[in-house]
Amino acid sequence: MGLSGRSFTLADRRRAARRRRNEYISRIDVSPLLVIFFVLWLAVAPLGPFRDLPHDPTVDLPKGLHAKSLIGAQQEDALFVAVTRDGRYFLGNTQISLDDLADQLRKGVWGGAERKVYLKVDRLAKYGTVKLALAEVRRGGIREIAILTN
């Protein structure tokens, strides 16, 4: 029995169910939008400004006006030589003496690396220390040198 004292038949219940189905949804469901933002974030999150360069050993790169993107610098076995402002030399992330630089570069090339060195020089480094690093790179048998800038 209903509230008015009459019983509802099966047809009445079906009509009521049909009416409920046709009602408009009056709220905004943002969950699909959040899923789209999450997927886009997952796609873009690994793309940092320096994802292709190894960890910088405190090198403040100079500003470049006409820089271009170097695809070879994104390879895992790329040879990076860094010269810091206090005159230290790095091959990749490990500090190296200037005497060992040419031998280590030869080993890297024999290991399958590209015959190109990506040179990261601190903007306040002395020209003499950079010149010594360039001489050792050439002594290591590598003629292609790319100087990285911001």
N, C-alpha and C. Protein backbone atom coordinates (compact mmCIF):
# COMPACT_ATOMS: atom_id res chain seq x y z
N MET A 1 0.82 -1.18 0.00
CA MET A 1 0.00 0.00 0.00
C MET A 1 0.87 1.25 0.00
N GLY A 2 0.51 2.23 -0.78
CA GLY A 2 1.23 3.49 -0.85
C GLY A 2 0.75 4.46 0.22
N LEU A 3 1.21 5.66 0.21
CA LEU A 3 0.84 6.67 1.19
C LEU A 3 -0.61 7.12 1.03
N SER A 4 -1.09 7.12 -0.17
CA SER A 4 -2.46 7.59 -0.42
C SER A 4 -3.49 6.50 -0.21
N GLY A 5 -3.06 5.33 0.16
CA GLY A 5 -3.98 4.26 0.42
C GLY A 5 -4.21 3.37 -0.78
N ARG A 6 -3.62 3.63 -1.89
CA ARG A 6 -3.80 2.75 -3.05
C ARG A 6 -2.53 1.97 -3.30
N SER A 7 -2.61 0.84 -3.88
CA SER A 7 -1.45 0.01 -4.16
C SER A 7 -0.94 0.32 -5.56
N PHE A 8 0.36 0.22 -5.72
CA PHE A 8 0.97 0.50 -7.02
C PHE A 8 1.09 -0.78 -7.80
N THR A 9 0.73 -0.70 -9.06
CA THR A 9 0.84 -1.88 -9.93
C THR A 9 2.20 -1.90 -10.58
N LEU A 10 2.48 -2.98 -11.27
CA LEU A 10 3.75 -3.13 -11.98
C LEU A 10 3.90 -2.06 -13.06
N ALA A 11 2.83 -1.70 -13.73
CA ALA A 11 2.86 -0.67 -14.77
C ALA A 11 3.19 0.69 -14.17
N ASP A 12 2.66 0.99 -12.99
CA ASP A 12 2.97 2.25 -12.32
C ASP A 12 4.46 2.32 -11.98
N ARG A 13 4.98 1.25 -11.51
CA ARG A 13 6.41 1.22 -11.15
C ARG A 13 7.30 1.41 -12.38
N ARG A 14 6.91 0.79 -13.49
CA ARG A 14 7.70 0.94 -14.72
C ARG A 14 7.66 2.38 -15.23
N ARG A 15 6.47 3.01 -15.17
CA ARG A 15 6.35 4.40 -15.59
C ARG A 15 7.23 5.32 -14.71
N ALA A 16 7.24 5.07 -13.46
CA ALA A 16 8.05 5.87 -12.54
C ALA A 16 9.54 5.67 -12.82
N ALA A 17 9.92 4.44 -13.12
CA ALA A 17 11.32 4.17 -13.44
C ALA A 17 11.72 4.85 -14.74
N ARG A 18 10.82 4.87 -15.73
CA ARG A 18 11.11 5.54 -16.99
C ARG A 18 11.27 7.04 -16.80
N ARG A 19 10.45 7.62 -15.95
CA ARG A 19 10.55 9.04 -15.67
C ARG A 19 11.87 9.38 -14.98
N ARG A 20 12.31 8.55 -14.09
CA ARG A 20 13.57 8.79 -13.39
C ARG A 20 14.75 8.70 -14.36
N ARG A 21 14.69 7.81 -15.33
CA ARG A 21 15.76 7.66 -16.29
C ARG A 21 15.92 8.89 -17.18
N ASN A 22 14.90 9.63 -17.42
CA ASN A 22 14.94 10.77 -18.32
C ASN A 22 15.32 12.07 -17.63
N GLU A 23 15.62 12.02 -16.36
CA GLU A 23 16.00 13.24 -15.66
C GLU A 23 17.40 13.66 -16.09
N TYR A 24 17.63 14.96 -16.08
CA TYR A 24 18.94 15.49 -16.44
C TYR A 24 19.89 15.40 -15.25
N ILE A 25 21.18 15.21 -15.59
CA ILE A 25 22.20 15.22 -14.55
C ILE A 25 22.60 16.68 -14.37
N SER A 26 22.45 17.18 -13.16
CA SER A 26 22.69 18.60 -12.95
C SER A 26 24.03 18.88 -12.29
N ARG A 27 24.97 17.97 -12.39
CA ARG A 27 26.29 18.20 -11.82
C ARG A 27 27.34 17.93 -12.90
N ILE A 28 28.50 18.53 -12.72
CA ILE A 28 29.59 18.34 -13.67
C ILE A 28 30.53 17.27 -13.13
N ASP A 29 30.78 16.27 -13.94
CA ASP A 29 31.68 15.19 -13.55
C ASP A 29 33.06 15.48 -14.13
N VAL A 30 34.02 15.80 -13.26
CA VAL A 30 35.35 16.18 -13.72
C VAL A 30 36.34 15.01 -13.71
N SER A 31 35.89 13.84 -13.34
CA SER A 31 36.83 12.71 -13.27
C SER A 31 37.43 12.36 -14.64
N PRO A 32 36.69 12.39 -15.77
CA PRO A 32 37.37 12.13 -17.05
C PRO A 32 38.42 13.18 -17.38
N LEU A 33 38.17 14.43 -17.02
CA LEU A 33 39.14 15.49 -17.26
C LEU A 33 40.41 15.26 -16.42
N LEU A 34 40.21 14.83 -15.18
CA LEU A 34 41.37 14.54 -14.33
C LEU A 34 42.19 13.38 -14.87
N VAL A 35 41.54 12.39 -15.43
CA VAL A 35 42.26 11.26 -16.02
C VAL A 35 43.08 11.73 -17.22
N ILE A 36 42.52 12.60 -18.03
CA ILE A 36 43.25 13.12 -19.19
C ILE A 36 44.46 13.93 -18.74
N PHE A 37 44.30 14.79 -17.72
CA PHE A 37 45.42 15.56 -17.20
C PHE A 37 46.50 14.65 -16.63
N PHE A 38 46.11 13.59 -15.95
CA PHE A 38 47.09 12.66 -15.37
C PHE A 38 47.89 11.96 -16.46
N VAL A 39 47.22 11.52 -17.51
CA VAL A 39 47.92 10.85 -18.62
C VAL A 39 48.87 11.82 -19.31
N LEU A 40 48.44 13.06 -19.53
CA LEU A 40 49.32 14.06 -20.13
C LEU A 40 50.51 14.36 -19.24
N TRP A 41 50.28 14.42 -17.93
CA TRP A 41 51.38 14.66 -17.00
C TRP A 41 52.39 13.52 -17.06
N LEU A 42 51.91 12.28 -17.15
CA LEU A 42 52.82 11.14 -17.26
C LEU A 42 53.63 11.19 -18.55
N ALA A 43 53.04 11.72 -19.59
CA ALA A 43 53.75 11.80 -20.87
C ALA A 43 54.79 12.91 -20.86
N VAL A 44 54.54 13.99 -20.13
CA VAL A 44 55.42 15.16 -20.17
C VAL A 44 56.40 15.20 -19.00
N ALA A 45 56.11 14.52 -17.91
CA ALA A 45 56.93 14.60 -16.70
C ALA A 45 58.39 14.24 -16.92
N PRO A 46 58.73 13.20 -17.71
CA PRO A 46 60.16 12.90 -17.88
C PRO A 46 60.92 13.94 -18.70
N LEU A 47 60.22 14.84 -19.36
CA LEU A 47 60.88 15.82 -20.21
C LEU A 47 61.29 17.04 -19.40
N GLY A 48 62.40 16.96 -18.73
CA GLY A 48 62.92 18.10 -18.00
C GLY A 48 63.84 18.90 -18.90
N PRO A 49 64.27 20.07 -18.48
CA PRO A 49 65.14 20.86 -19.35
C PRO A 49 66.52 20.22 -19.56
N PHE A 50 66.98 19.39 -18.61
CA PHE A 50 68.30 18.81 -18.74
C PHE A 50 68.24 17.29 -18.68
N ARG A 51 67.17 16.67 -19.18
CA ARG A 51 67.07 15.22 -19.10
C ARG A 51 68.10 14.53 -19.96
N ASP A 52 68.62 15.20 -20.98
CA ASP A 52 69.58 14.56 -21.87
C ASP A 52 71.02 14.73 -21.40
N LEU A 53 71.26 15.57 -20.42
CA LEU A 53 72.61 15.78 -19.93
C LEU A 53 72.80 15.08 -18.60
N PRO A 54 73.97 14.53 -18.37
CA PRO A 54 74.20 13.93 -17.06
C PRO A 54 74.28 15.01 -15.99
N HIS A 55 74.35 14.59 -14.76
CA HIS A 55 74.40 15.52 -13.64
C HIS A 55 75.60 16.45 -13.79
N ASP A 56 75.35 17.75 -13.77
CA ASP A 56 76.43 18.73 -13.95
C ASP A 56 77.30 18.81 -12.71
N PRO A 57 78.61 18.66 -12.87
CA PRO A 57 79.50 18.85 -11.73
C PRO A 57 79.76 20.35 -11.50
N THR A 58 78.77 21.05 -11.02
CA THR A 58 78.82 22.49 -10.73
C THR A 58 79.38 23.31 -11.89
N VAL A 59 78.80 23.17 -13.04
CA VAL A 59 79.20 23.93 -14.22
C VAL A 59 78.08 24.89 -14.57
N ASP A 60 78.39 26.16 -14.58
CA ASP A 60 77.44 27.20 -14.97
C ASP A 60 77.71 27.51 -16.44
N LEU A 61 76.87 26.96 -17.32
CA LEU A 61 77.09 27.10 -18.75
C LEU A 61 76.86 28.54 -19.21
N PRO A 62 77.63 28.99 -20.20
CA PRO A 62 77.42 30.36 -20.71
C PRO A 62 76.15 30.43 -21.55
N LYS A 63 75.65 31.62 -21.73
CA LYS A 63 74.47 31.85 -22.56
C LYS A 63 74.89 31.84 -24.03
N GLY A 64 74.09 31.20 -24.86
CA GLY A 64 74.37 31.15 -26.28
C GLY A 64 73.26 31.81 -27.07
N LEU A 65 73.61 32.63 -28.03
CA LEU A 65 72.60 33.31 -28.83
C LEU A 65 72.10 32.46 -29.99
N HIS A 66 72.97 31.65 -30.57
CA HIS A 66 72.60 30.89 -31.75
C HIS A 66 72.80 29.40 -31.51
N ALA A 67 72.34 28.92 -30.38
CA ALA A 67 72.49 27.50 -30.04
C ALA A 67 71.49 26.66 -30.81
N LYS A 68 71.85 25.40 -31.05
CA LYS A 68 70.92 24.48 -31.69
C LYS A 68 70.93 23.17 -30.91
N SER A 69 69.91 22.39 -31.09
CA SER A 69 69.77 21.14 -30.36
C SER A 69 70.74 20.10 -30.93
N LEU A 70 71.38 19.37 -30.03
CA LEU A 70 72.32 18.33 -30.44
C LEU A 70 71.73 16.97 -30.09
N ILE A 71 71.33 16.24 -31.11
CA ILE A 71 70.68 14.96 -30.89
C ILE A 71 71.65 13.95 -30.31
N GLY A 72 72.91 14.01 -30.71
CA GLY A 72 73.90 13.06 -30.21
C GLY A 72 74.16 13.19 -28.72
N ALA A 73 73.87 14.35 -28.15
CA ALA A 73 74.09 14.54 -26.71
C ALA A 73 73.08 13.77 -25.89
N GLN A 74 72.02 13.29 -26.51
CA GLN A 74 71.00 12.54 -25.79
C GLN A 74 71.34 11.06 -25.69
N GLN A 75 72.36 10.61 -26.43
CA GLN A 75 72.72 9.20 -26.37
C GLN A 75 73.33 8.87 -25.03
N GLU A 76 73.13 7.62 -24.63
CA GLU A 76 73.59 7.20 -23.32
C GLU A 76 75.12 7.13 -23.23
N ASP A 77 75.77 6.82 -24.34
CA ASP A 77 77.23 6.66 -24.30
C ASP A 77 77.97 7.90 -24.82
N ALA A 78 77.30 9.04 -24.85
CA ALA A 78 77.94 10.28 -25.31
C ALA A 78 79.06 10.67 -24.34
N LEU A 79 80.12 11.24 -24.89
CA LEU A 79 81.28 11.64 -24.08
C LEU A 79 81.16 13.11 -23.70
N PHE A 80 81.00 13.35 -22.40
CA PHE A 80 80.89 14.70 -21.87
C PHE A 80 82.15 15.01 -21.08
N VAL A 81 82.79 16.12 -21.44
CA VAL A 81 83.95 16.61 -20.68
C VAL A 81 83.55 17.95 -20.10
N ALA A 82 83.74 18.08 -18.79
CA ALA A 82 83.37 19.33 -18.11
C ALA A 82 84.61 19.96 -17.52
N VAL A 83 84.67 21.28 -17.63
CA VAL A 83 85.75 22.08 -17.02
C VAL A 83 85.07 23.04 -16.06
N THR A 84 85.42 22.94 -14.78
CA THR A 84 84.81 23.81 -13.77
C THR A 84 85.60 25.09 -13.62
N ARG A 85 85.02 26.03 -12.90
CA ARG A 85 85.67 27.33 -12.74
C ARG A 85 86.93 27.25 -11.91
N ASP A 86 87.06 26.21 -11.07
CA ASP A 86 88.28 26.08 -10.27
C ASP A 86 89.32 25.18 -10.93
N GLY A 87 89.13 24.84 -12.21
CA GLY A 87 90.14 24.14 -12.98
C GLY A 87 90.09 22.62 -12.87
N ARG A 88 89.00 22.05 -12.37
CA ARG A 88 88.88 20.61 -12.31
C ARG A 88 88.27 20.09 -13.61
N TYR A 89 88.62 18.84 -13.96
CA TYR A 89 88.14 18.22 -15.19
C TYR A 89 87.29 17.02 -14.83
N PHE A 90 86.20 16.82 -15.58
CA PHE A 90 85.30 15.70 -15.37
C PHE A 90 85.05 15.02 -16.71
N LEU A 91 85.02 13.71 -16.68
CA LEU A 91 84.57 12.91 -17.83
C LEU A 91 83.28 12.25 -17.39
N GLY A 92 82.18 12.73 -17.93
CA GLY A 92 80.88 12.29 -17.43
C GLY A 92 80.65 12.93 -16.07
N ASN A 93 80.49 12.09 -15.04
CA ASN A 93 80.28 12.60 -13.69
C ASN A 93 81.48 12.37 -12.79
N THR A 94 82.53 11.76 -13.31
CA THR A 94 83.69 11.43 -12.47
C THR A 94 84.82 12.42 -12.74
N GLN A 95 85.43 12.86 -11.65
CA GLN A 95 86.57 13.77 -11.79
C GLN A 95 87.75 12.98 -12.32
N ILE A 96 88.50 13.61 -13.19
CA ILE A 96 89.62 12.95 -13.86
C ILE A 96 90.78 13.92 -13.94
N SER A 97 91.99 13.38 -13.92
CA SER A 97 93.15 14.25 -14.09
C SER A 97 93.34 14.53 -15.57
N LEU A 98 93.98 15.62 -15.86
CA LEU A 98 94.19 16.02 -17.25
C LEU A 98 95.05 15.01 -18.00
N ASP A 99 95.97 14.34 -17.29
CA ASP A 99 96.84 13.36 -17.94
C ASP A 99 96.07 12.11 -18.38
N ASP A 100 95.02 11.75 -17.67
CA ASP A 100 94.25 10.54 -17.99
C ASP A 100 93.12 10.80 -18.97
N LEU A 101 92.86 12.06 -19.29
CA LEU A 101 91.70 12.38 -20.12
C LEU A 101 91.79 11.78 -21.51
N ALA A 102 92.91 11.89 -22.17
CA ALA A 102 93.04 11.37 -23.54
C ALA A 102 92.87 9.86 -23.57
N ASP A 103 93.45 9.16 -22.60
CA ASP A 103 93.33 7.69 -22.57
C ASP A 103 91.89 7.26 -22.32
N GLN A 104 91.22 7.95 -21.42
CA GLN A 104 89.83 7.60 -21.12
C GLN A 104 88.91 7.90 -22.31
N LEU A 105 89.20 8.94 -23.06
CA LEU A 105 88.40 9.23 -24.25
C LEU A 105 88.62 8.17 -25.32
N ARG A 106 89.86 7.71 -25.47
CA ARG A 106 90.13 6.62 -26.42
C ARG A 106 89.37 5.36 -26.03
N LYS A 107 89.36 5.05 -24.73
CA LYS A 107 88.62 3.87 -24.26
C LYS A 107 87.12 4.02 -24.53
N GLY A 108 86.61 5.23 -24.36
CA GLY A 108 85.20 5.46 -24.64
C GLY A 108 84.85 5.27 -26.10
N VAL A 109 85.72 5.74 -26.98
CA VAL A 109 85.49 5.57 -28.42
C VAL A 109 85.61 4.10 -28.80
N TRP A 110 86.57 3.41 -28.22
CA TRP A 110 86.70 1.96 -28.49
C TRP A 110 85.50 1.20 -27.96
N GLY A 111 84.87 1.72 -26.94
CA GLY A 111 83.69 1.08 -26.37
C GLY A 111 82.42 1.33 -27.18
N GLY A 112 82.52 2.08 -28.25
CA GLY A 112 81.36 2.29 -29.13
C GLY A 112 80.77 3.67 -29.08
N ALA A 113 81.36 4.58 -28.35
CA ALA A 113 80.82 5.94 -28.28
C ALA A 113 81.09 6.68 -29.59
N GLU A 114 80.31 7.71 -29.83
CA GLU A 114 80.48 8.55 -31.01
C GLU A 114 81.82 9.28 -30.91
N ARG A 115 82.46 9.51 -32.06
CA ARG A 115 83.76 10.21 -32.07
C ARG A 115 83.53 11.72 -31.98
N LYS A 116 82.82 12.10 -30.94
CA LYS A 116 82.51 13.51 -30.72
C LYS A 116 82.47 13.74 -29.22
N VAL A 117 83.03 14.86 -28.77
CA VAL A 117 83.03 15.21 -27.36
C VAL A 117 82.14 16.42 -27.16
N TYR A 118 81.31 16.36 -26.13
CA TYR A 118 80.46 17.48 -25.75
C TYR A 118 81.13 18.15 -24.56
N LEU A 119 81.58 19.37 -24.79
CA LEU A 119 82.38 20.09 -23.80
C LEU A 119 81.48 21.06 -23.03
N LYS A 120 81.47 20.87 -21.72
CA LYS A 120 80.72 21.77 -20.83
C LYS A 120 81.74 22.58 -20.05
N VAL A 121 81.78 23.87 -20.33
CA VAL A 121 82.77 24.75 -19.71
C VAL A 121 82.03 25.77 -18.86
N ASP A 122 82.48 25.93 -17.63
CA ASP A 122 81.91 26.95 -16.77
C ASP A 122 82.19 28.33 -17.38
N ARG A 123 81.23 29.21 -17.27
CA ARG A 123 81.40 30.52 -17.91
C ARG A 123 82.50 31.35 -17.24
N LEU A 124 82.92 30.99 -16.04
CA LEU A 124 83.98 31.72 -15.36
C LEU A 124 85.31 30.96 -15.37
N ALA A 125 85.39 29.88 -16.14
CA ALA A 125 86.64 29.12 -16.21
C ALA A 125 87.69 29.90 -16.99
N LYS A 126 88.94 29.70 -16.64
CA LYS A 126 90.03 30.40 -17.33
C LYS A 126 90.28 29.76 -18.69
N TYR A 127 90.64 30.59 -19.62
CA TYR A 127 90.88 30.12 -20.98
C TYR A 127 92.00 29.09 -21.04
N GLY A 128 93.00 29.24 -20.20
CA GLY A 128 94.13 28.31 -20.20
C GLY A 128 93.72 26.89 -19.84
N THR A 129 92.81 26.74 -18.88
CA THR A 129 92.36 25.40 -18.50
C THR A 129 91.51 24.77 -19.61
N VAL A 130 90.72 25.58 -20.29
CA VAL A 130 89.92 25.08 -21.40
C VAL A 130 90.82 24.68 -22.57
N LYS A 131 91.84 25.47 -22.82
CA LYS A 131 92.78 25.18 -23.90
C LYS A 131 93.50 23.86 -23.65
N LEU A 132 93.89 23.59 -22.39
CA LEU A 132 94.53 22.32 -22.06
C LEU A 132 93.58 21.15 -22.27
N ALA A 133 92.30 21.34 -21.91
CA ALA A 133 91.32 20.27 -22.11
C ALA A 133 91.11 19.99 -23.60
N LEU A 134 91.05 21.03 -24.41
CA LEU A 134 90.90 20.85 -25.86
C LEU A 134 92.10 20.12 -26.44
N ALA A 135 93.29 20.44 -25.97
CA ALA A 135 94.49 19.76 -26.46
C ALA A 135 94.46 18.28 -26.10
N GLU A 136 93.99 17.94 -24.90
CA GLU A 136 93.92 16.54 -24.50
C GLU A 136 92.84 15.79 -25.29
N VAL A 137 91.74 16.46 -25.60
CA VAL A 137 90.70 15.82 -26.40
C VAL A 137 91.24 15.51 -27.80
N ARG A 138 91.98 16.44 -28.39
CA ARG A 138 92.57 16.20 -29.70
C ARG A 138 93.64 15.12 -29.64
N ARG A 139 94.38 15.08 -28.52
CA ARG A 139 95.39 14.03 -28.35
C ARG A 139 94.73 12.66 -28.21
N GLY A 140 93.49 12.64 -27.74
CA GLY A 140 92.74 11.40 -27.63
C GLY A 140 92.19 10.92 -28.96
N GLY A 141 92.42 11.67 -30.03
CA GLY A 141 92.00 11.25 -31.36
C GLY A 141 90.63 11.73 -31.76
N ILE A 142 90.09 12.68 -31.05
CA ILE A 142 88.74 13.17 -31.36
C ILE A 142 88.86 14.59 -31.91
N ARG A 143 88.30 14.78 -33.10
CA ARG A 143 88.38 16.08 -33.77
C ARG A 143 87.08 16.87 -33.67
N GLU A 144 85.96 16.18 -33.47
CA GLU A 144 84.67 16.88 -33.38
C GLU A 144 84.40 17.23 -31.93
N ILE A 145 84.24 18.52 -31.66
CA ILE A 145 84.00 19.01 -30.30
C ILE A 145 82.82 19.96 -30.37
N ALA A 146 81.83 19.71 -29.54
CA ALA A 146 80.66 20.58 -29.43
C ALA A 146 80.69 21.24 -28.06
N ILE A 147 80.62 22.56 -28.04
CA ILE A 147 80.61 23.29 -26.78
C ILE A 147 79.17 23.59 -26.41
N LEU A 148 78.76 23.14 -25.23
CA LEU A 148 77.37 23.28 -24.81
C LEU A 148 77.15 24.63 -24.15
N THR A 149 75.98 25.21 -24.43
CA THR A 149 75.57 26.48 -23.83
C THR A 149 74.14 26.36 -23.38
N ASN A 150 73.69 27.37 -22.66
CA ASN A 150 72.27 27.44 -22.26
C ASN A 150 71.48 28.14 -23.31
